[in-house]
Amino acid sequence: MSTSSVPRPEPAAPSGLLRRPALPPAVRPRGPQGALPALALFAVVRLAGVVAVIVTNHLTGHPLVRSLAHSWDSRWYLHIAGHGYGHLIWITQTGGVQADWAFFPLYPGLIRALITVLPFTPGQAGILIAWAAAGVAAYGLYVLGHHLYGRAVATALVGLWAVLPHAVELTIAYTESLFAALAVWSLYCVLKGRWLWAGSLAALAGLSRPTGFAVAVAVGAAAVHEVLRCRGRVPAGLWAGALLAPLGWLGYVLWVGQRTGDPLGGYFKIQSAWDSRFDFGAGALRFLKVLFLHGGSAVYPAALMVVVLGVVLFGLLCLDSAPLVLVVFAGVLILLVVGGSGSFSSKPRFLLPVFPLLIPPARAFARTWRVRPAQVLLIGGSLAFVSVLYGAYVTVVAHSPL
């Protein structure tokens, strides 16, 4: 594993009259070539998923687009955007008190900013931000994949991210697309040695989700590796970026602690009320025991398969000698998903931003495309079909938490 990019031999340029003249800087294409088709593929698949949600709403007699902006956690984010923190609690059936402080502030803050300057409702603003962030994340995936492995792998990486079973949640008023966008660009900046940008984006990622500290851990691990590799002779920007990276997450956790009267433990008590804590997988094992003994909705076996596949893909990522920063980022989030408590049906959503897991299958797709493109199209089309239909099911029909 290395913090630097995987070397790719470039073909030698032909000599003499066959050499293509270099374009002047003003007309050279910016960014890696081939991004537009990959982004178009992503947009088509995800728009098909949105259409499937709307059609399913129509067939089931629900408002056509309400579930895109008002599903589960979305309602908490929209309420925070409109009214601030400390105004919404929920009393559970067991008497527990769930407070809105469990939700990190970046996404509702962006919604609030947007509805302040433009004539949008909070729901419309939430969807617009989620869609824009998904596009930024998809482009980041392409840029990172192209930097490491070339155009074919980058395109496959974006395509696979678009057809994940729960990818519909990238286009509803949730934080996964925003977190993914900040994470992928932060990790790309690490690979390019832009440490101050990496730390700044990691700090913002830490303000987007409780799991946002995974980006800071990855940036910190890459920084330590670089310091050891260079025997301490590193630029000042590296130190600044590494110190900046965890400040977003730490700042919000301490702020909640101060508001609750327990600076160090207040936030974690809030999360415990949501049954969200790291218990080394004990809660997940209890749930799986009940599932195997008594069965349950189709959502839960599907979630189990996604989590198991994520663990397998993480092993393949490690064997693939991926850059250290990507392995650490993926490893922290896999550990949190496997060892954390909470609703099992939400675990696949937590894996959506863990894009490095898709690198091994993306490389396999790229190799297969060269010799058997029809097989890649068949598999990719089948995955897209399942993703579109399953996304509509979990969003509209299923009553399990997203």
Protein backbone atom coordinates (compact mmCIF):
# COMPACT_ATOMS: atom_id res chain seq x y z
CA MET A 1 0.00 0.00 0.00
CA SER A 2 1.23 3.46 -0.83
CA THR A 3 -0.01 7.00 -0.50
CA SER A 4 1.12 7.76 -4.01
CA SER A 5 -0.71 6.90 -7.18
CA VAL A 6 -0.31 3.53 -8.84
CA PRO A 7 2.23 3.98 -11.66
CA ARG A 8 0.89 3.47 -15.12
CA PRO A 9 3.29 3.17 -18.05
CA GLU A 10 2.50 5.67 -20.75
CA PRO A 11 2.89 4.68 -24.40
CA ALA A 12 5.87 6.23 -26.09
CA ALA A 13 5.00 9.09 -28.41
CA PRO A 14 5.71 8.40 -32.13
CA SER A 15 8.60 10.33 -33.54
CA GLY A 16 9.04 12.51 -36.56
CA LEU A 17 6.08 13.43 -38.73
CA LEU A 18 3.71 11.18 -36.78
CA ARG A 19 4.05 13.21 -33.57
CA ARG A 20 0.90 15.22 -32.87
CA PRO A 21 1.59 18.92 -32.28
CA ALA A 22 1.12 20.02 -28.69
CA LEU A 23 -1.90 22.16 -28.10
CA PRO A 24 -1.35 25.61 -26.64
CA PRO A 25 -2.27 25.88 -22.94
CA ALA A 26 -5.35 28.00 -23.68
CA VAL A 27 -7.02 25.25 -25.72
CA ARG A 28 -5.81 22.12 -23.94
CA PRO A 29 -8.67 20.14 -22.41
CA ARG A 30 -8.99 20.61 -18.69
CA GLY A 31 -9.42 17.56 -16.51
CA PRO A 32 -9.08 13.95 -17.60
CA GLN A 33 -10.53 12.97 -20.94
CA GLY A 34 -13.63 10.79 -21.08
CA ALA A 35 -15.38 12.23 -18.03
CA LEU A 36 -18.49 13.37 -19.91
CA PRO A 37 -19.64 9.88 -21.03
CA ALA A 38 -19.08 8.52 -17.52
CA LEU A 39 -21.07 11.36 -15.96
CA ALA A 40 -23.81 10.92 -18.55
CA LEU A 41 -24.03 7.23 -17.65
CA PHE A 42 -24.30 8.12 -13.97
CA ALA A 43 -26.99 10.74 -14.65
CA VAL A 44 -29.08 8.44 -16.83
CA VAL A 45 -29.09 5.61 -14.27
CA ARG A 46 -29.87 7.83 -11.32
CA LEU A 47 -32.55 9.80 -13.18
CA ALA A 48 -34.14 6.47 -14.09
CA GLY A 49 -34.11 5.69 -10.37
CA VAL A 50 -35.87 8.97 -9.61
CA VAL A 51 -38.47 8.28 -12.29
CA ALA A 52 -39.03 4.81 -10.83
CA VAL A 53 -39.68 6.36 -7.41
CA ILE A 54 -42.20 8.81 -8.91
CA VAL A 55 -43.99 6.06 -10.86
CA THR A 56 -44.12 3.83 -7.77
CA ASN A 57 -45.57 6.71 -5.77
CA HIS A 58 -48.23 7.14 -8.42
CA LEU A 59 -49.10 3.44 -8.48
CA THR A 60 -49.37 3.29 -4.69
CA GLY A 61 -51.39 6.48 -4.35
CA HIS A 62 -48.65 8.54 -2.65
CA PRO A 63 -47.61 12.12 -3.51
CA LEU A 64 -45.36 11.87 -6.53
CA VAL A 65 -42.16 13.45 -5.22
CA ARG A 66 -42.70 13.84 -1.48
CA SER A 67 -40.69 10.72 -0.59
CA LEU A 68 -37.64 12.22 -2.30
CA ALA A 69 -37.44 15.01 0.28
CA HIS A 70 -39.40 13.78 3.29
CA SER A 71 -38.20 10.24 4.00
CA TRP A 72 -37.04 9.29 7.48
CA ASP A 73 -33.94 11.37 8.38
CA SER A 74 -34.76 13.92 5.69
CA ARG A 75 -37.51 15.34 7.86
CA TRP A 76 -35.04 15.96 10.68
CA TYR A 77 -32.62 17.77 8.38
CA LEU A 78 -35.38 19.94 6.92
CA HIS A 79 -36.65 20.83 10.39
CA ILE A 80 -33.14 21.83 11.52
CA ALA A 81 -32.75 23.95 8.39
CA GLY A 82 -35.99 25.77 9.11
CA HIS A 83 -35.90 26.07 12.90
CA GLY A 84 -32.37 25.35 14.13
CA TYR A 85 -31.28 22.85 16.76
CA GLY A 86 -32.94 22.00 20.04
CA HIS A 87 -36.53 22.29 18.82
CA LEU A 88 -37.36 18.72 17.76
CA ILE A 89 -37.38 15.57 19.88
CA TRP A 90 -39.04 12.19 19.45
CA ILE A 91 -40.22 9.94 22.23
CA THR A 92 -39.74 6.28 21.27
CA GLN A 93 -42.06 3.44 22.21
CA THR A 94 -39.64 2.48 24.98
CA GLY A 95 -39.61 5.99 26.42
CA GLY A 96 -36.28 7.06 24.94
CA VAL A 97 -35.78 10.67 23.93
CA GLN A 98 -34.24 11.24 20.51
CA ALA A 99 -32.99 14.78 19.86
CA ASP A 100 -32.04 16.58 16.66
CA TRP A 101 -28.48 17.15 17.94
CA ALA A 102 -27.65 13.70 16.56
CA PHE A 103 -27.63 15.20 13.04
CA PHE A 104 -24.54 17.06 11.87
CA PRO A 105 -24.92 20.65 10.68
CA LEU A 106 -23.39 21.03 7.21
CA TYR A 107 -26.29 19.71 5.15
CA PRO A 108 -29.09 21.57 6.97
CA GLY A 109 -26.85 24.65 6.99
CA LEU A 110 -26.54 24.51 3.20
CA ILE A 111 -30.31 24.08 2.90
CA ARG A 112 -30.84 27.12 5.12
CA ALA A 113 -28.40 29.17 3.05
CA LEU A 114 -30.08 28.17 -0.21
CA ILE A 115 -33.63 28.96 0.87
CA THR A 116 -32.41 32.30 2.21
CA VAL A 117 -31.18 33.49 -1.18
CA LEU A 118 -33.45 31.58 -3.60
CA PRO A 119 -37.22 30.99 -3.66
CA PHE A 120 -37.04 27.28 -2.81
CA THR A 121 -38.81 25.28 -0.17
CA PRO A 122 -36.52 23.38 2.24
CA GLY A 123 -37.43 20.11 0.51
CA GLN A 124 -36.57 21.45 -2.94
CA ALA A 125 -33.31 22.87 -1.64
CA GLY A 126 -32.43 19.57 0.03
CA ILE A 127 -32.97 17.62 -3.18
CA LEU A 128 -31.03 20.15 -5.26
CA ILE A 129 -28.04 20.00 -2.91
CA ALA A 130 -28.13 16.19 -2.86
CA TRP A 131 -28.25 15.98 -6.66
CA ALA A 132 -25.49 18.54 -7.14
CA ALA A 133 -23.30 16.79 -4.56
CA ALA A 134 -23.89 13.44 -6.27
CA GLY A 135 -22.69 14.92 -9.56
CA VAL A 136 -19.61 16.43 -7.90
CA ALA A 137 -18.88 13.09 -6.22
CA ALA A 138 -19.28 11.17 -9.48
CA TYR A 139 -16.87 13.51 -11.23
CA GLY A 140 -14.45 13.15 -8.32
CA LEU A 141 -14.65 9.37 -8.65
CA TYR A 142 -13.78 9.65 -12.31
CA VAL A 143 -10.86 12.01 -11.68
CA LEU A 144 -9.47 9.82 -8.90
CA GLY A 145 -9.96 6.60 -10.87
CA HIS A 146 -8.36 8.12 -13.97
CA HIS A 147 -5.41 9.35 -11.92
CA LEU A 148 -4.77 5.87 -10.52
CA TYR A 149 -5.78 3.45 -13.26
CA GLY A 150 -6.83 5.22 -16.45
CA ARG A 151 -10.01 5.99 -18.36
CA ALA A 152 -11.58 2.53 -18.54
CA VAL A 153 -11.37 1.87 -14.81
CA ALA A 154 -12.56 5.39 -14.01
CA THR A 155 -15.65 4.92 -16.18
CA ALA A 156 -16.39 1.53 -14.62
CA LEU A 157 -15.94 3.04 -11.15
CA VAL A 158 -18.55 5.72 -11.81
CA GLY A 159 -20.90 3.24 -13.44
CA LEU A 160 -20.70 0.78 -10.56
CA TRP A 161 -21.37 3.55 -8.05
CA ALA A 162 -24.48 4.49 -10.01
CA VAL A 163 -25.91 0.95 -9.94
CA LEU A 164 -25.42 0.09 -6.27
CA PRO A 165 -28.62 -1.40 -4.79
CA HIS A 166 -29.19 1.60 -2.49
CA ALA A 167 -27.87 4.27 -4.84
CA VAL A 168 -31.32 5.87 -4.92
CA GLU A 169 -30.36 7.40 -1.57
CA LEU A 170 -27.81 9.54 -3.40
CA THR A 171 -30.70 11.43 -4.96
CA ILE A 172 -32.99 11.97 -1.99
CA ALA A 173 -32.61 14.58 0.77
CA TYR A 174 -29.91 12.66 2.64
CA THR A 175 -26.26 13.42 3.41
CA GLU A 176 -24.58 10.48 1.67
CA SER A 177 -23.94 12.31 -1.60
CA LEU A 178 -22.55 15.38 0.18
CA PHE A 179 -20.27 13.25 2.36
CA ALA A 180 -19.12 11.24 -0.65
CA ALA A 181 -18.29 14.40 -2.61
CA LEU A 182 -16.19 15.85 0.20
CA ALA A 183 -14.50 12.51 0.90
CA VAL A 184 -13.50 11.68 -2.65
CA TRP A 185 -12.02 15.11 -3.34
CA SER A 186 -10.21 15.17 0.00
CA LEU A 187 -8.62 11.79 -0.68
CA TYR A 188 -7.76 12.82 -4.23
CA CYS A 189 -5.98 15.88 -2.86
CA VAL A 190 -3.93 13.58 -0.62
CA LEU A 191 -2.89 11.54 -3.65
CA LYS A 192 -1.85 14.76 -5.40
CA GLY A 193 0.00 16.10 -2.37
CA ARG A 194 -2.36 19.03 -1.83
CA TRP A 195 -2.47 18.65 1.91
CA LEU A 196 -4.13 21.92 2.86
CA TRP A 197 -7.04 21.24 0.51
CA ALA A 198 -7.24 17.66 1.77
CA GLY A 199 -7.46 18.82 5.38
CA SER A 200 -10.02 21.54 4.62
CA LEU A 201 -12.31 19.14 2.77
CA ALA A 202 -11.87 16.53 5.51
CA ALA A 203 -12.95 19.12 8.09
CA LEU A 204 -16.10 19.80 6.05
CA ALA A 205 -16.72 16.06 5.71
CA GLY A 206 -16.54 15.87 9.50
CA LEU A 207 -19.39 18.38 9.66
CA SER A 208 -21.58 16.37 7.31
CA ARG A 209 -22.07 13.02 9.05
CA PRO A 210 -21.20 11.23 12.33
CA THR A 211 -18.94 8.94 10.28
CA GLY A 212 -17.22 11.94 8.71
CA PHE A 213 -14.18 11.52 10.94
CA ALA A 214 -13.16 8.58 8.71
CA VAL A 215 -11.82 11.10 6.19
CA ALA A 216 -9.73 12.80 8.87
CA VAL A 217 -8.35 9.45 10.01
CA ALA A 218 -7.38 8.61 6.43
CA VAL A 219 -5.73 11.99 5.87
CA GLY A 220 -3.87 11.65 9.19
CA ALA A 221 -2.66 8.13 8.39
CA ALA A 222 -1.42 9.24 4.97
CA ALA A 223 0.34 12.22 6.56
CA VAL A 224 2.10 10.01 9.12
CA HIS A 225 3.18 7.64 6.36
CA GLU A 226 4.58 10.54 4.34
CA VAL A 227 6.46 11.93 7.35
CA LEU A 228 8.06 8.55 8.01
CA ARG A 229 8.84 8.00 4.34
CA CYS A 230 10.51 11.41 4.03
CA ARG A 231 12.11 11.24 7.50
CA GLY A 232 10.33 14.37 8.61
CA ARG A 233 11.29 16.51 5.60
CA VAL A 234 7.76 17.43 4.55
CA PRO A 235 6.15 20.76 3.63
CA ALA A 236 4.38 22.83 6.24
CA GLY A 237 1.12 22.33 4.36
CA LEU A 238 1.15 18.67 5.32
CA TRP A 239 1.20 19.50 9.02
CA ALA A 240 -1.49 22.14 8.58
CA GLY A 241 -3.74 19.81 6.60
CA ALA A 242 -3.36 16.96 9.07
CA LEU A 243 -4.19 19.23 12.01
CA LEU A 244 -7.13 20.83 10.21
CA ALA A 245 -8.74 17.55 9.08
CA PRO A 246 -10.46 16.49 12.36
CA LEU A 247 -11.57 19.96 13.47
CA GLY A 248 -15.03 19.85 11.87
CA TRP A 249 -16.08 16.62 13.56
CA LEU A 250 -14.46 17.48 16.88
CA GLY A 251 -15.93 20.97 16.87
CA TYR A 252 -19.50 19.76 16.47
CA VAL A 253 -19.15 16.95 19.01
CA LEU A 254 -17.76 19.38 21.61
CA TRP A 255 -20.46 21.94 20.80
CA VAL A 256 -23.21 19.39 21.43
CA GLY A 257 -21.46 18.32 24.61
CA GLN A 258 -21.37 21.91 25.81
CA ARG A 259 -25.06 22.38 25.03
CA THR A 260 -25.99 19.23 26.95
CA GLY A 261 -23.76 19.99 29.94
CA ASP A 262 -21.37 17.09 29.29
CA PRO A 263 -18.59 18.40 27.01
CA LEU A 264 -16.92 15.05 26.35
CA GLY A 265 -19.81 12.60 26.52
CA GLY A 266 -22.90 14.62 25.67
CA TYR A 267 -22.94 13.88 21.96
CA PHE A 268 -22.43 10.17 22.48
CA LYS A 269 -25.34 10.05 24.93
CA ILE A 270 -27.49 11.68 22.24
CA GLN A 271 -26.39 9.02 19.76
CA SER A 272 -27.05 6.22 22.24
CA ALA A 273 -30.67 7.35 22.46
CA TRP A 274 -30.84 6.59 18.73
CA ASP A 275 -29.31 3.15 19.41
CA SER A 276 -26.26 4.35 17.50
CA ARG A 277 -23.04 3.29 19.17
CA PHE A 278 -20.06 1.06 18.57
CA ASP A 279 -20.69 -2.24 20.35
CA PHE A 280 -18.25 -4.47 18.41
CA GLY A 281 -21.13 -6.01 16.45
CA ALA A 282 -23.12 -7.33 19.42
CA GLY A 283 -26.32 -5.58 18.34
CA ALA A 284 -25.93 -6.76 14.77
CA LEU A 285 -25.44 -10.36 15.91
CA ARG A 286 -28.58 -10.20 18.04
CA PHE A 287 -30.53 -8.87 15.10
CA LEU A 288 -29.20 -11.55 12.74
CA LYS A 289 -30.16 -14.24 15.23
CA VAL A 290 -33.74 -12.96 15.22
CA LEU A 291 -33.69 -12.69 11.43
CA PHE A 292 -32.54 -16.28 10.93
CA LEU A 293 -34.97 -17.65 13.52
CA HIS A 294 -38.07 -15.67 12.62
CA GLY A 295 -37.44 -14.16 9.21
CA GLY A 296 -38.22 -10.60 8.20
CA SER A 297 -38.75 -8.17 5.36
CA ALA A 298 -36.75 -8.66 2.15
CA VAL A 299 -34.87 -5.47 3.00
CA TYR A 300 -32.94 -7.17 5.80
CA PRO A 301 -31.49 -10.17 3.88
CA ALA A 302 -30.57 -7.75 1.11
CA ALA A 303 -28.83 -5.50 3.63
CA LEU A 304 -26.94 -8.49 5.03
CA MET A 305 -25.73 -9.48 1.55
CA VAL A 306 -24.56 -5.92 0.86
CA VAL A 307 -22.61 -5.78 4.14
CA VAL A 308 -21.00 -9.19 3.54
CA LEU A 309 -20.07 -8.17 0.00
CA GLY A 310 -18.59 -4.94 1.36
CA VAL A 311 -16.32 -6.90 3.70
CA VAL A 312 -15.20 -9.15 0.83
CA LEU A 313 -14.50 -6.17 -1.41
CA PHE A 314 -12.45 -4.57 1.35
CA GLY A 315 -10.28 -7.67 1.45
CA LEU A 316 -9.84 -7.47 -2.32
CA LEU A 317 -8.97 -3.77 -2.02
CA CYS A 318 -6.19 -4.60 0.43
CA LEU A 319 -4.88 -7.39 -1.82
CA ASP A 320 -5.02 -4.97 -4.76
CA SER A 321 -2.27 -2.80 -3.19
CA ALA A 322 -4.49 0.26 -3.27
CA PRO A 323 -3.13 3.56 -1.90
CA LEU A 324 -3.00 3.66 1.89
CA VAL A 325 -5.34 6.65 2.19
CA LEU A 326 -8.11 4.77 0.36
CA VAL A 327 -7.62 1.58 2.38
CA VAL A 328 -7.75 3.43 5.70
CA PHE A 329 -10.86 5.39 4.70
CA ALA A 330 -12.67 2.24 3.58
CA GLY A 331 -11.45 0.24 6.58
CA VAL A 332 -12.71 2.74 9.15
CA LEU A 333 -16.17 2.86 7.58
CA ILE A 334 -16.38 -0.92 7.18
CA LEU A 335 -15.45 -1.27 10.86
CA LEU A 336 -18.17 1.19 11.87
CA VAL A 337 -20.79 -0.59 9.74
CA VAL A 338 -19.92 -4.07 11.00
CA GLY A 339 -19.27 -3.14 14.62
CA GLY A 340 -21.92 -0.46 15.06
CA SER A 341 -25.43 -0.90 16.40
CA GLY A 342 -28.56 0.66 14.95
CA SER A 343 -31.03 -0.31 12.26
CA PHE A 344 -29.57 -3.04 10.09
CA SER A 345 -31.55 -1.84 7.08
CA SER A 346 -29.55 1.42 7.16
CA LYS A 347 -26.14 -0.22 6.94
CA PRO A 348 -26.03 -0.38 3.10
CA ARG A 349 -26.65 3.38 3.06
CA PHE A 350 -23.62 3.89 5.28
CA LEU A 351 -21.56 1.99 2.70
CA LEU A 352 -22.60 4.23 -0.21
CA PRO A 353 -19.72 6.71 0.31
CA VAL A 354 -17.15 3.89 0.61
CA PHE A 355 -16.22 4.16 -3.05
CA PRO A 356 -12.78 2.48 -2.75
CA LEU A 357 -14.58 -0.86 -2.35
CA LEU A 358 -15.60 -0.57 -6.01
CA ILE A 359 -12.02 -0.35 -7.30
CA PRO A 360 -11.40 -4.14 -7.57
CA PRO A 361 -14.63 -4.85 -9.54
CA ALA A 362 -14.06 -1.72 -11.65
CA ARG A 363 -10.64 -3.01 -12.67
CA ALA A 364 -12.15 -6.40 -13.46
CA PHE A 365 -14.84 -4.74 -15.60
CA ALA A 366 -12.20 -2.74 -17.47
CA ARG A 367 -10.18 -5.88 -18.24
CA THR A 368 -13.27 -7.76 -19.38
CA TRP A 369 -14.42 -4.86 -21.57
CA ARG A 370 -11.34 -5.24 -23.77
CA VAL A 371 -12.21 -8.82 -24.75
CA ARG A 372 -15.92 -9.36 -23.95
CA PRO A 373 -17.77 -6.02 -24.00
CA ALA A 374 -21.14 -7.75 -24.40
CA GLN A 375 -20.72 -9.44 -21.02
CA VAL A 376 -19.95 -6.12 -19.34
CA LEU A 377 -23.01 -4.52 -20.92
CA LEU A 378 -25.22 -7.42 -19.83
CA ILE A 379 -23.97 -7.39 -16.24
CA GLY A 380 -24.02 -3.61 -16.02
CA GLY A 381 -27.51 -3.39 -17.47
CA SER A 382 -28.79 -6.04 -15.08
CA LEU A 383 -27.29 -4.24 -12.09
CA ALA A 384 -28.85 -0.97 -13.23
CA PHE A 385 -32.27 -2.62 -13.61
CA VAL A 386 -32.10 -4.12 -10.13
CA SER A 387 -30.83 -0.85 -8.64
CA VAL A 388 -33.67 1.19 -10.15
CA LEU A 389 -36.40 -1.21 -9.04
CA TYR A 390 -34.95 -1.91 -5.61
CA GLY A 391 -34.41 1.78 -4.98
CA ALA A 392 -38.08 2.48 -5.66
CA TYR A 393 -39.04 -0.40 -3.37
CA VAL A 394 -36.99 0.71 -0.35
CA THR A 395 -38.02 4.34 -0.78
CA VAL A 396 -41.75 3.93 -1.34
CA VAL A 397 -42.95 0.42 -0.49
CA ALA A 398 -40.75 -0.85 2.34
CA HIS A 399 -41.34 0.56 5.80
CA SER A 400 -37.82 -0.11 7.09
CA PRO A 401 -35.58 2.84 7.98
CA LEU A 402 -33.43 4.03 5.11
